[in-house]
C-alpha cells in the first residue's frame, strides 16, 4: 500500500509551470512548459495520496477512476501498471487530464485541511509516459460478432462508445460532418489547451483496433437517418449540444456580434492549416466576451493571441468566493473564483454586469455595449438595476453563454424521435430511444456538460448497445451509473 505518512512528508502541492505569458501569446502551442526533470516530481506528488479507506475521489469522478491505485503505482515507479489501471475506467485520459475541471480533486480527502493531491496532473503524466514508453497498444478483439454499429458524432462520447463497441467485436463506423474526426475536441478547444496531435495519436490506435471513420459525412443530409438505421444493427447518436444560447437584446443584429464557438472553430481550422475565408479576427479590436465559463476563457486566450486591443469578460452574477462556501461542503464540487491560463494572460473581468443593449454606428457595426449593474430580487431573479447603465467600447462581441441543446431538426423530421422539454433527445435509463436499436449518449441526451461525463456516457451507452445486440455484455459501466443511466 501507499506510504501512510506520505502526505505528512510532502505537504507542498506542485503543479506544472506555464510558459512565460509574453512567449506563449506568440503562438497557439501548449501553454505548459516542459520540465527538465520529466516525470520525477510526479512520483513525489503521487506519494501524497492517503490511500483512503473510502476514496471520495472515485465518487467525485464520473468515470470512477481508480485514483488511489494508480497514485500508489506511480509513487513506486510502476508506470505500465498505472496506465492499465487508468485505462480500466477511462478511454482517453490524455483529454480529461488536460481539459477536465477535475471534480476528483475537490473531493480529495486530503483537501479537507491541505492542498488536494494533484490528481489531474498525475493522470495526464501517466498517459503521456505510457505513450512515450510504448505501453499503449491496439486492443484488437479476439472475435467479430458480425453485427454493425453506426456512431454519429466523433466527440468524446462518440469516440468512447466506438472504442468500447469495437473492442466488444462489433464493426463500428463513426460518422462526422466536419472534415476531420474529433468533434469539439478538435474544433472547439484551442490548441493551447489541447494540441490536436493528442487526438490523432489516439485515433491511430482506434483505427488499428478496427474502428472505421467517415469524416465529411452529415447524417440527415448526405445519408438520411432512416437509411442509416436500415444499414446498421444499432445506431448511437452522439451529436453533442451545439445550439448556442442567444442574447436577444436591442442591437443584436449589428455586425461584429458572434457566437463564441463560431469564433473558436474558425481559429481551430486555421491552426490546423486549413484555409478560412473571412475569418473573424480580434486584431486591434476592443473585444467583449459575454459569459465567464470555459468557453469564454478560451475566447480570451484566442483574442489575446490575435493581438486584440483589449479584452473584457462580462459575467452577470457575483464574483465567486476564493474559499469553499458553507453551502457547498466537501466533497461536493464548489463554485470558486478561478484564474485560468487565459485569464492570467491579460484582459479584465467584470461581475454583476447585465448587458442591456448593443450599441452601433450608422453603418450597422457594433461600437459599444450598454451595461448595468445586476440586481438580485427577493425571488432570486437577476435584473439590470435602473440608473446604473454605462457603455463599454466594443468592436467585437463574443456570446459565450453556453448551449441549449443538440441540433434535432433532421433527426426528428426523418424519424419518430422525441425531444424533451429541455430540448435534448429523449432516452430511457439504458440510453435507448423509442426507436428500436437507436441510443443517445453525451450532451445530445444530457445537455451541455463536461468531457468526463461525455466519456462516461459513451462507455455506459456502449454497454447497453452490446447488451441489445448480444443479450449480455462484459463491457464495464462507470460507477457513476444509477442502474445504467448516468446522473449528475
Protein backbone atom coordinates (compact mmCIF):
# COMPACT_ATOMS: atom_id res chain seq x y z
CA UNK A 1 0.00 0.00 0.00
CA UNK A 2 0.99 3.66 -0.19
CA UNK A 3 3.16 5.31 2.43
CA UNK A 4 0.65 6.14 5.19
CA UNK A 5 2.72 9.21 6.11
CA UNK A 6 3.33 10.39 2.56
CA UNK A 7 1.02 13.37 2.87
CA UNK A 8 2.90 14.44 6.03
CA UNK A 9 6.32 14.12 4.42
CA UNK A 10 5.31 16.01 1.25
CA UNK A 11 2.96 18.85 2.15
CA UNK A 12 3.59 21.09 -0.83
CA UNK A 13 1.31 20.73 -3.85
CA UNK A 14 3.38 21.11 -7.01
CA UNK A 15 1.87 21.52 -10.47
CA UNK A 16 3.49 22.14 -13.87
CA UNK A 17 4.70 25.64 -14.67
CA UNK A 18 3.40 27.67 -17.58
CA UNK A 19 5.46 29.13 -20.35
CA UNK A 20 6.03 32.89 -19.87
CA UNK A 21 2.98 34.90 -20.94
CA UNK A 22 4.94 37.05 -23.39
CA UNK A 23 6.19 33.88 -25.08
CA UNK A 24 3.06 31.78 -25.23
CA UNK A 25 0.98 34.63 -26.64
CA UNK A 26 3.10 34.39 -29.79
CA UNK A 27 1.66 31.00 -30.76
CA UNK A 28 -1.20 28.55 -30.16
CA UNK A 29 1.00 25.80 -28.68
CA UNK A 30 0.52 24.18 -25.27
CA UNK A 31 0.72 26.78 -22.50
CA UNK A 32 2.58 24.38 -20.19
CA UNK A 33 6.37 24.37 -20.05
CA UNK A 34 8.40 21.19 -20.44
CA UNK A 35 10.18 20.22 -17.23
CA UNK A 36 13.81 19.17 -17.30
CA UNK A 37 13.14 16.58 -14.59
CA UNK A 38 10.40 14.97 -16.67
CA UNK A 39 8.01 12.90 -14.55
CA UNK A 40 10.21 12.60 -11.47
CA UNK A 41 8.34 15.23 -9.46
CA UNK A 42 5.02 13.48 -10.22
CA UNK A 43 6.20 10.39 -8.33
CA UNK A 44 6.72 12.59 -5.27
CA UNK A 45 3.32 14.23 -5.68
CA UNK A 46 1.62 10.84 -6.05
CA UNK A 47 3.03 9.82 -2.67
CA UNK A 48 0.81 12.48 -1.07
CA UNK A 49 -2.24 10.28 -1.78
CA UNK A 50 -3.61 8.94 1.51
CA UNK A 51 -4.98 5.70 0.00
CA UNK A 52 -8.21 6.40 1.89
CA UNK A 53 -10.40 3.58 3.10
CA UNK A 54 -13.30 5.37 1.39
CA UNK A 55 -11.77 7.20 -1.60
CA UNK A 56 -14.18 10.04 -2.27
CA UNK A 57 -12.14 10.96 -5.34
CA UNK A 58 -13.55 7.83 -7.02
CA UNK A 59 -17.08 9.12 -6.45
CA UNK A 60 -16.11 12.66 -7.44
CA UNK A 61 -15.03 11.34 -10.84
CA UNK A 62 -17.98 10.38 -13.10
CA UNK A 63 -15.79 7.67 -14.62
CA UNK A 64 -14.98 6.18 -11.23
CA UNK A 65 -11.25 6.37 -11.94
CA UNK A 66 -9.18 4.12 -9.66
CA UNK A 67 -7.21 7.09 -8.41
CA UNK A 68 -5.57 5.71 -5.25
CA UNK A 69 -4.49 2.62 -7.19
CA UNK A 70 -2.59 4.47 -9.88
CA UNK A 71 -1.25 7.06 -7.45
CA UNK A 72 0.36 4.26 -5.47
CA UNK A 73 1.77 2.65 -8.61
CA UNK A 74 3.24 5.94 -9.82
CA UNK A 75 4.90 6.54 -6.47
CA UNK A 76 6.54 3.11 -6.91
CA UNK A 77 7.64 3.94 -10.48
CA UNK A 78 5.34 1.26 -11.97
CA UNK A 79 4.11 3.27 -14.93
CA UNK A 80 2.84 0.41 -17.07
CA UNK A 81 0.59 -0.94 -14.32
CA UNK A 82 -0.55 2.60 -13.56
CA UNK A 83 -1.55 3.04 -17.22
CA UNK A 84 -3.50 -0.22 -17.11
CA UNK A 85 -5.43 0.93 -14.04
CA UNK A 86 -6.09 4.28 -15.69
CA UNK A 87 -7.37 2.74 -18.92
CA UNK A 88 -9.62 0.37 -16.98
CA UNK A 89 -12.08 3.23 -16.47
CA UNK A 90 -11.06 5.97 -18.91
CA UNK A 91 -10.56 5.58 -22.65
CA UNK A 92 -8.96 8.99 -23.13
CA UNK A 93 -7.03 10.24 -20.07
CA UNK A 94 -4.92 12.44 -22.34
CA UNK A 95 -8.08 14.51 -22.92
CA UNK A 96 -9.50 14.58 -19.40
CA UNK A 97 -6.05 15.16 -17.92
CA UNK A 98 -5.83 18.38 -19.92
CA UNK A 99 -9.31 19.89 -20.13
CA UNK A 100 -11.38 18.34 -17.32
CA UNK A 101 -12.07 20.69 -14.34
CA UNK A 102 -11.08 17.82 -12.02
CA UNK A 103 -14.05 17.33 -9.69
CA UNK A 104 -11.99 14.47 -8.26
CA UNK A 105 -9.60 16.95 -6.66
CA UNK A 106 -12.31 18.91 -4.86
CA UNK A 107 -13.48 15.63 -3.28
CA UNK A 108 -9.97 14.54 -2.28
CA UNK A 109 -9.93 13.74 1.46
CA UNK A 110 -6.54 15.42 1.86
CA UNK A 111 -8.18 18.60 0.59
CA UNK A 112 -10.12 18.97 3.84
CA UNK A 113 -7.16 20.66 5.53
CA UNK A 114 -4.30 20.56 2.99
CA UNK A 115 -3.96 21.26 -0.74
CA UNK A 116 -5.50 18.32 -2.59
CA UNK A 117 -3.47 15.70 -4.42
CA UNK A 118 -2.58 16.78 -7.97
CA UNK A 119 -4.78 14.05 -9.43
CA UNK A 120 -5.30 15.68 -12.83
CA UNK A 121 -1.59 16.21 -13.45
CA UNK A 122 -0.73 12.70 -12.28
CA UNK A 123 -3.35 11.32 -14.66
CA UNK A 124 -2.04 13.12 -17.73
CA UNK A 125 1.55 12.26 -16.84
CA UNK A 126 0.67 8.55 -16.64
CA UNK A 127 -0.80 8.50 -20.12
CA UNK A 128 1.99 10.62 -21.62
CA UNK A 129 4.59 8.30 -20.09
CA UNK A 130 2.61 5.28 -21.33
CA UNK A 131 2.64 6.55 -24.91
CA UNK A 132 6.30 7.53 -24.72
CA UNK A 133 7.32 4.12 -23.34
CA UNK A 134 5.23 2.14 -25.82
CA UNK A 135 2.71 0.82 -23.29
CA UNK A 136 -0.35 1.90 -25.33
CA UNK A 137 -1.12 -0.71 -27.97
CA UNK A 138 -4.24 -1.52 -30.02
CA UNK A 139 -6.65 -3.91 -28.29
CA UNK A 140 -7.88 -5.93 -31.24
CA UNK A 141 -11.00 -8.01 -30.49
CA UNK A 142 -10.48 -11.78 -30.42
CA UNK A 143 -13.65 -12.39 -32.40
CA UNK A 144 -16.10 -10.44 -34.52
CA UNK A 145 -19.80 -10.62 -33.80
CA UNK A 146 -20.85 -9.89 -37.38
CA UNK A 147 -23.03 -7.03 -36.14
CA UNK A 148 -22.64 -3.41 -37.14
CA UNK A 149 -22.99 -0.15 -35.22
CA UNK A 150 -23.05 3.42 -36.52
CA UNK A 151 -21.85 6.17 -34.19
CA UNK A 152 -22.96 9.65 -35.23
CA UNK A 153 -20.60 12.29 -33.89
CA UNK A 154 -16.91 12.00 -33.04
CA UNK A 155 -16.65 13.96 -29.82
CA UNK A 156 -15.61 12.28 -26.55
CA UNK A 157 -18.93 10.43 -26.13
CA UNK A 158 -18.90 9.09 -29.69
CA UNK A 159 -15.26 8.05 -29.60
CA UNK A 160 -15.66 6.33 -26.22
CA UNK A 161 -18.71 4.41 -27.40
CA UNK A 162 -16.98 3.47 -30.66
CA UNK A 163 -13.84 2.16 -28.97
CA UNK A 164 -15.77 0.10 -26.45
CA UNK A 165 -18.04 -1.43 -29.09
CA UNK A 166 -15.13 -2.18 -31.42
CA UNK A 167 -13.32 -3.99 -28.63
CA UNK A 168 -16.50 -5.98 -28.00
CA UNK A 169 -16.19 -7.34 -31.54
CA UNK A 170 -18.73 -5.21 -33.41
CA UNK A 171 -17.98 -3.48 -36.70
CA UNK A 172 -18.21 0.22 -35.85
CA UNK A 173 -18.36 3.16 -38.23
CA UNK A 174 -18.06 6.71 -36.86
CA UNK A 175 -19.68 9.47 -38.94
CA UNK A 176 -18.58 13.10 -38.54
CA UNK A 177 -19.82 16.07 -40.55
CA UNK A 178 -16.60 18.07 -40.08
CA UNK A 179 -13.61 17.39 -42.34
CA UNK A 180 -11.63 15.78 -39.51
CA UNK A 181 -12.54 13.47 -36.64
CA UNK A 182 -12.72 14.82 -33.10
CA UNK A 183 -15.83 16.98 -32.83
CA UNK A 184 -15.42 19.89 -30.45
CA UNK A 185 -12.29 18.25 -29.06
CA UNK A 186 -10.67 19.22 -32.35
CA UNK A 187 -12.59 22.30 -33.43
CA UNK A 188 -13.93 23.76 -30.17
CA UNK A 189 -10.94 23.59 -27.80
CA UNK A 190 -7.96 25.81 -28.69
CA UNK A 191 -4.62 24.19 -29.34
CA UNK A 192 -3.06 25.98 -26.37
CA UNK A 193 -5.23 23.76 -24.15
CA UNK A 194 -5.28 20.59 -26.27
CA UNK A 195 -2.87 20.17 -29.15
CA UNK A 196 -4.53 18.07 -31.81
CA UNK A 197 -1.75 15.51 -32.21
CA UNK A 198 -3.07 14.01 -28.98
CA UNK A 199 -6.32 13.24 -30.82
CA UNK A 200 -4.55 11.90 -33.90
CA UNK A 201 -2.41 9.58 -31.78
CA UNK A 202 -5.49 8.03 -30.17
CA UNK A 203 -7.34 7.78 -33.49
CA UNK A 204 -4.44 5.77 -34.89
CA UNK A 205 -4.91 3.26 -32.08
CA UNK A 206 -8.66 3.07 -32.73
CA UNK A 207 -8.14 2.52 -36.46
CA UNK A 208 -5.68 -0.27 -35.72
CA UNK A 209 -8.33 -1.87 -33.49
CA UNK A 210 -10.82 -1.81 -36.35
CA UNK A 211 -12.93 1.32 -35.87
CA UNK A 212 -13.78 2.95 -39.19
CA UNK A 213 -14.06 6.73 -39.56
CA UNK A 214 -16.12 8.62 -42.13
CA UNK A 215 -15.46 12.38 -41.80
CA UNK A 216 -17.20 14.89 -44.01
CA UNK A 217 -20.49 12.97 -43.91
CA UNK A 218 -23.53 14.64 -42.35
CA UNK A 219 -26.26 12.27 -41.27
CA UNK A 220 -29.63 13.71 -42.14
CA UNK A 221 -28.24 15.34 -45.28
CA UNK A 222 -25.75 13.06 -47.02
CA UNK A 223 -27.38 9.95 -45.55
CA UNK A 224 -30.86 10.02 -44.08
CA UNK A 225 -31.43 8.78 -40.56
CA UNK A 226 -33.79 6.09 -41.83
CA UNK A 227 -31.19 4.84 -44.32
CA UNK A 228 -28.63 4.72 -41.54
CA UNK A 229 -30.93 2.62 -39.38
CA UNK A 230 -31.52 0.26 -42.28
CA UNK A 231 -27.80 -0.20 -42.89
CA UNK A 232 -26.75 -0.88 -39.28
CA UNK A 233 -27.89 -3.14 -36.47
CA UNK A 234 -27.65 -0.28 -33.96
CA UNK A 235 -27.08 3.48 -34.01
CA UNK A 236 -25.55 5.62 -31.25
CA UNK A 237 -26.32 9.34 -31.51
CA UNK A 238 -23.53 11.46 -30.02
CA UNK A 239 -24.00 14.77 -31.81
CA UNK A 240 -23.40 16.94 -28.76
CA UNK A 241 -25.23 20.09 -27.70
CA UNK A 242 -24.19 22.62 -30.32
CA UNK A 243 -27.11 25.09 -30.37
CA UNK A 244 -25.78 28.22 -28.61
CA UNK A 245 -27.75 30.26 -26.11
CA UNK A 246 -28.52 33.66 -27.63
CA UNK A 247 -28.84 37.09 -26.05
CA UNK A 248 -31.87 38.68 -27.69
CA UNK A 249 -31.43 42.38 -26.89
CA UNK A 250 -31.81 45.59 -28.91
CA UNK A 251 -29.00 45.81 -31.46
CA UNK A 252 -28.41 42.06 -31.68
CA UNK A 253 -28.45 42.31 -35.49
CA UNK A 254 -25.37 44.55 -35.60
CA UNK A 255 -22.21 43.40 -37.36
CA UNK A 256 -19.42 42.25 -35.10
CA UNK A 257 -21.55 40.15 -32.72
CA UNK A 258 -20.78 36.44 -32.93
CA UNK A 259 -21.29 33.23 -31.00
CA UNK A 260 -18.14 32.26 -29.14
CA UNK A 261 -17.97 28.76 -30.58
CA UNK A 262 -18.17 30.02 -34.16
CA UNK A 263 -15.20 32.25 -33.40
CA UNK A 264 -13.18 29.45 -31.78
CA UNK A 265 -13.97 26.93 -34.52
CA UNK A 266 -12.64 29.30 -37.19
CA UNK A 267 -9.32 29.70 -35.40
CA UNK A 268 -9.00 25.95 -34.88
CA UNK A 269 -9.46 25.38 -38.61
CA UNK A 270 -6.70 27.91 -39.27
CA UNK A 271 -4.44 26.41 -36.60
CA UNK A 272 -4.90 23.08 -38.37
CA UNK A 273 -3.55 24.60 -41.57
CA UNK A 274 -6.92 24.90 -43.31
CA UNK A 275 -7.94 27.94 -45.34
CA UNK A 276 -10.64 30.07 -43.74
CA UNK A 277 -12.20 32.84 -45.82
CA UNK A 278 -13.43 35.92 -43.95
CA UNK A 279 -12.17 34.72 -40.59
CA UNK A 280 -13.41 36.74 -37.63
CA UNK A 281 -10.30 38.23 -36.03
CA UNK A 282 -9.81 40.24 -32.84
CA UNK A 283 -6.69 42.02 -34.13
CA UNK A 284 -6.66 45.64 -32.96
CA UNK A 285 -10.23 45.44 -31.64
CA UNK A 286 -11.89 46.04 -28.30
CA UNK A 287 -13.32 42.61 -27.53
CA UNK A 288 -16.17 41.90 -25.13
CA UNK A 289 -16.80 38.30 -24.05
CA UNK A 290 -20.24 37.73 -22.51
CA UNK A 291 -20.02 34.71 -20.22
CA UNK A 292 -17.44 33.69 -17.63
CA UNK A 293 -17.13 29.93 -18.26
CA UNK A 294 -14.52 27.80 -20.00
CA UNK A 295 -15.67 28.84 -23.48
CA UNK A 296 -15.35 32.49 -22.52
CA UNK A 297 -11.86 31.80 -21.16
CA UNK A 298 -10.90 30.15 -24.46
CA UNK A 299 -12.09 33.28 -26.28
CA UNK A 300 -9.85 35.43 -24.09
CA UNK A 301 -6.75 33.39 -24.88
CA UNK A 302 -7.58 33.32 -28.59
CA UNK A 303 -8.30 37.07 -28.81
CA UNK A 304 -5.06 37.93 -26.99
CA UNK A 305 -3.09 35.73 -29.41
CA UNK A 306 -4.77 37.59 -32.26
CA UNK A 307 -3.46 40.83 -30.66
CA UNK A 308 -6.71 42.36 -29.56
CA UNK A 309 -6.52 45.96 -28.32
CA UNK A 310 -8.44 44.99 -25.18
CA UNK A 311 -10.44 42.05 -23.86
CA UNK A 312 -13.18 42.35 -21.23
CA UNK A 313 -15.23 39.48 -19.85
CA UNK A 314 -18.72 40.20 -18.51
CA UNK A 315 -20.41 37.89 -16.01
CA UNK A 316 -23.97 38.59 -14.91
CA UNK A 317 -23.53 37.04 -11.45
CA UNK A 318 -21.43 37.75 -8.39
CA UNK A 319 -17.71 37.11 -8.24
CA UNK A 320 -17.27 33.59 -6.81
CA UNK A 321 -15.53 33.25 -3.44
CA UNK A 322 -11.88 32.27 -3.09
CA UNK A 323 -12.64 29.64 -0.45
CA UNK A 324 -15.24 26.88 -0.35
CA UNK A 325 -18.60 28.35 0.79
CA UNK A 326 -20.54 26.73 3.62
CA UNK A 327 -23.41 25.66 1.37
CA UNK A 328 -21.02 23.69 -0.89
CA UNK A 329 -19.26 21.43 1.63
CA UNK A 330 -16.61 18.83 0.89
CA UNK A 331 -16.77 16.55 -1.10
CA UNK A 332 -19.04 18.50 -3.48
CA UNK A 333 -17.56 20.47 -6.37
CA UNK A 334 -17.69 24.13 -5.23
CA UNK A 335 -18.12 27.25 -7.34
CA UNK A 336 -14.87 29.12 -6.69
CA UNK A 337 -13.07 32.02 -8.29
CA UNK A 338 -10.61 30.54 -10.75
CA UNK A 339 -7.80 32.02 -12.80
CA UNK A 340 -7.26 30.01 -15.97
CA UNK A 341 -4.13 30.27 -18.08
CA UNK A 342 -6.02 32.64 -20.39
CA UNK A 343 -7.15 34.87 -17.52
CA UNK A 344 -3.51 35.13 -16.41
CA UNK A 345 -2.52 36.34 -19.88
CA UNK A 346 -4.47 39.60 -19.72
CA UNK A 347 -7.85 41.24 -20.05
CA UNK A 348 -10.36 42.40 -17.48
CA UNK A 349 -13.19 40.55 -15.74
CA UNK A 350 -16.36 42.36 -14.66
CA UNK A 351 -19.00 40.80 -12.43
CA UNK A 352 -22.60 41.82 -11.73
CA UNK A 353 -22.67 43.09 -15.32
CA UNK A 354 -26.04 42.83 -17.09
CA UNK A 355 -25.97 43.63 -20.78
CA UNK A 356 -28.86 45.94 -21.68
CA UNK A 357 -28.26 46.86 -25.31
CA UNK A 358 -25.83 46.50 -28.20
CA UNK A 359 -24.90 49.98 -29.48
CA UNK A 360 -23.92 50.53 -33.11
CA UNK A 361 -22.92 53.14 -35.67
CA UNK A 362 -24.87 54.27 -38.77
CA UNK A 363 -23.10 51.59 -40.83
CA UNK A 364 -24.57 48.80 -38.71
CA UNK A 365 -21.40 47.88 -36.82
CA UNK A 366 -21.30 47.33 -33.08
CA UNK A 367 -19.38 50.06 -31.22
CA UNK A 368 -20.26 49.52 -27.57
CA UNK A 369 -22.27 47.56 -25.04
CA UNK A 370 -24.66 49.27 -22.68
CA UNK A 371 -24.26 47.50 -19.35
CA UNK A 372 -26.00 47.91 -15.97
CA UNK A 373 -25.21 46.55 -12.52
CA UNK A 374 -27.02 43.28 -11.79
CA UNK A 375 -29.63 43.45 -9.03
CA UNK A 376 -30.79 40.31 -7.21
CA UNK A 377 -34.52 40.31 -6.43
CA UNK A 378 -36.09 38.54 -3.45
CA UNK A 379 -37.38 35.77 -5.72
CA UNK A 380 -33.86 35.05 -6.98
CA UNK A 381 -34.23 36.74 -10.35
CA UNK A 382 -31.39 38.88 -11.67
CA UNK A 383 -32.32 42.16 -13.38
CA UNK A 384 -30.44 45.30 -14.51
CA UNK A 385 -30.51 47.95 -11.79
CA UNK A 386 -32.07 51.17 -13.00
CA UNK A 387 -29.76 54.18 -13.14
CA UNK A 388 -26.51 52.19 -13.29
CA UNK A 389 -26.16 51.98 -17.08
CA UNK A 390 -22.78 52.62 -18.65
CA UNK A 391 -21.22 51.94 -22.04
CA UNK A 392 -18.15 49.81 -22.74
CA UNK A 393 -16.42 50.23 -26.14
CA UNK A 394 -16.71 47.11 -28.28
CA UNK A 395 -15.66 46.30 -31.85
CA UNK A 396 -16.14 42.54 -31.45
CA UNK A 397 -18.66 40.87 -29.12
CA UNK A 398 -18.49 37.13 -28.41
CA UNK A 399 -21.51 35.47 -26.80
CA UNK A 400 -20.27 32.63 -24.60
CA UNK A 401 -23.40 31.83 -22.62
CA UNK A 402 -23.42 28.08 -23.11
CA UNK A 403 -25.62 25.81 -25.21
CA UNK A 404 -29.30 24.96 -25.08
CA UNK A 405 -29.18 21.51 -26.69
CA UNK A 406 -28.45 19.47 -29.83
CA UNK A 407 -29.48 20.20 -33.38
CA UNK A 408 -32.55 18.00 -33.71
CA UNK A 409 -34.30 19.13 -36.90
CA UNK A 410 -33.19 16.38 -39.29
CA UNK A 411 -33.30 13.63 -36.66
CA UNK A 412 -36.87 14.35 -35.59
CA UNK A 413 -38.17 15.08 -39.09
CA UNK A 414 -36.75 11.86 -40.56
CA UNK A 415 -37.74 9.60 -37.68
CA UNK A 416 -40.17 9.40 -34.77
CA UNK A 417 -37.54 10.53 -32.29
CA UNK A 418 -38.74 12.58 -29.34
CA UNK A 419 -37.30 15.72 -27.78
CA UNK A 420 -37.73 16.53 -24.10
CA UNK A 421 -38.88 19.84 -22.62
CA UNK A 422 -35.20 20.65 -22.07
CA UNK A 423 -34.56 20.40 -25.79
CA UNK A 424 -32.45 17.23 -25.64
CA UNK A 425 -33.13 13.88 -27.28
CA UNK A 426 -35.40 11.69 -25.17
CA UNK A 427 -33.96 8.42 -23.91
CA UNK A 428 -34.55 5.73 -21.31
CA UNK A 429 -32.30 4.79 -18.41
CA UNK A 430 -30.34 2.44 -20.66
CA UNK A 431 -29.72 5.27 -23.18
CA UNK A 432 -32.15 3.77 -25.71
CA UNK A 433 -34.72 5.86 -27.53
CA UNK A 434 -38.22 4.84 -28.60
CA UNK A 435 -36.67 3.89 -31.94
CA UNK A 436 -35.51 0.25 -31.86
CA UNK A 437 -31.74 -0.01 -31.91
CA UNK A 438 -31.14 3.74 -31.55
CA UNK A 439 -29.29 5.06 -28.48
CA UNK A 440 -28.27 8.53 -27.35
CA UNK A 441 -25.16 9.41 -25.32
CA UNK A 442 -23.34 12.53 -24.23
CA UNK A 443 -24.57 16.11 -24.41
CA UNK A 444 -27.23 15.23 -27.02
CA UNK A 445 -29.22 13.49 -24.28
CA UNK A 446 -27.72 15.01 -21.17
CA UNK A 447 -27.41 18.64 -22.15
CA UNK A 448 -24.26 20.73 -22.00
CA UNK A 449 -21.81 19.07 -19.64
CA UNK A 450 -18.18 18.08 -19.07
CA UNK A 451 -15.89 15.95 -21.20
CA UNK A 452 -15.58 13.43 -18.36
CA UNK A 453 -19.37 12.97 -18.33
CA UNK A 454 -19.36 12.51 -22.12
CA UNK A 455 -16.80 9.72 -21.91
CA UNK A 456 -18.70 8.11 -19.03
CA UNK A 457 -21.94 8.20 -21.01
CA UNK A 458 -20.26 6.85 -24.13
CA UNK A 459 -18.91 3.89 -22.15
CA UNK A 460 -22.24 3.23 -20.45
CA UNK A 461 -24.20 3.52 -23.70
CA UNK A 462 -21.79 1.09 -25.36
CA UNK A 463 -22.57 -1.48 -22.67
CA UNK A 464 -26.29 -1.04 -23.34
CA UNK A 465 -25.80 -1.39 -27.10
CA UNK A 466 -23.74 -4.54 -26.60
CA UNK A 467 -26.49 -5.96 -24.38
CA UNK A 468 -29.09 -5.07 -27.01
CA UNK A 469 -27.11 -6.86 -29.72
CA UNK A 470 -25.74 -9.82 -27.75
CA UNK A 471 -28.17 -10.27 -24.87
CA UNK A 472 -25.41 -9.57 -22.32
CA UNK A 473 -22.21 -7.57 -22.04
CA UNK A 474 -18.79 -7.72 -20.46
CA UNK A 475 -18.14 -4.03 -21.06
CA UNK A 476 -17.57 -2.03 -17.89
CA UNK A 477 -20.12 0.57 -16.79
CA UNK A 478 -18.88 3.69 -14.96
CA UNK A 479 -19.56 3.73 -11.23
CA UNK A 480 -21.50 6.98 -11.60
CA UNK A 481 -24.27 4.90 -13.15
CA UNK A 482 -27.53 4.51 -11.30
CA UNK A 483 -28.72 1.27 -12.88
CA UNK A 484 -27.35 2.11 -16.33
CA UNK A 485 -28.35 5.78 -16.54
CA UNK A 486 -25.67 8.25 -15.57
CA UNK A 487 -26.96 11.00 -13.36
CA UNK A 488 -25.27 14.19 -12.14
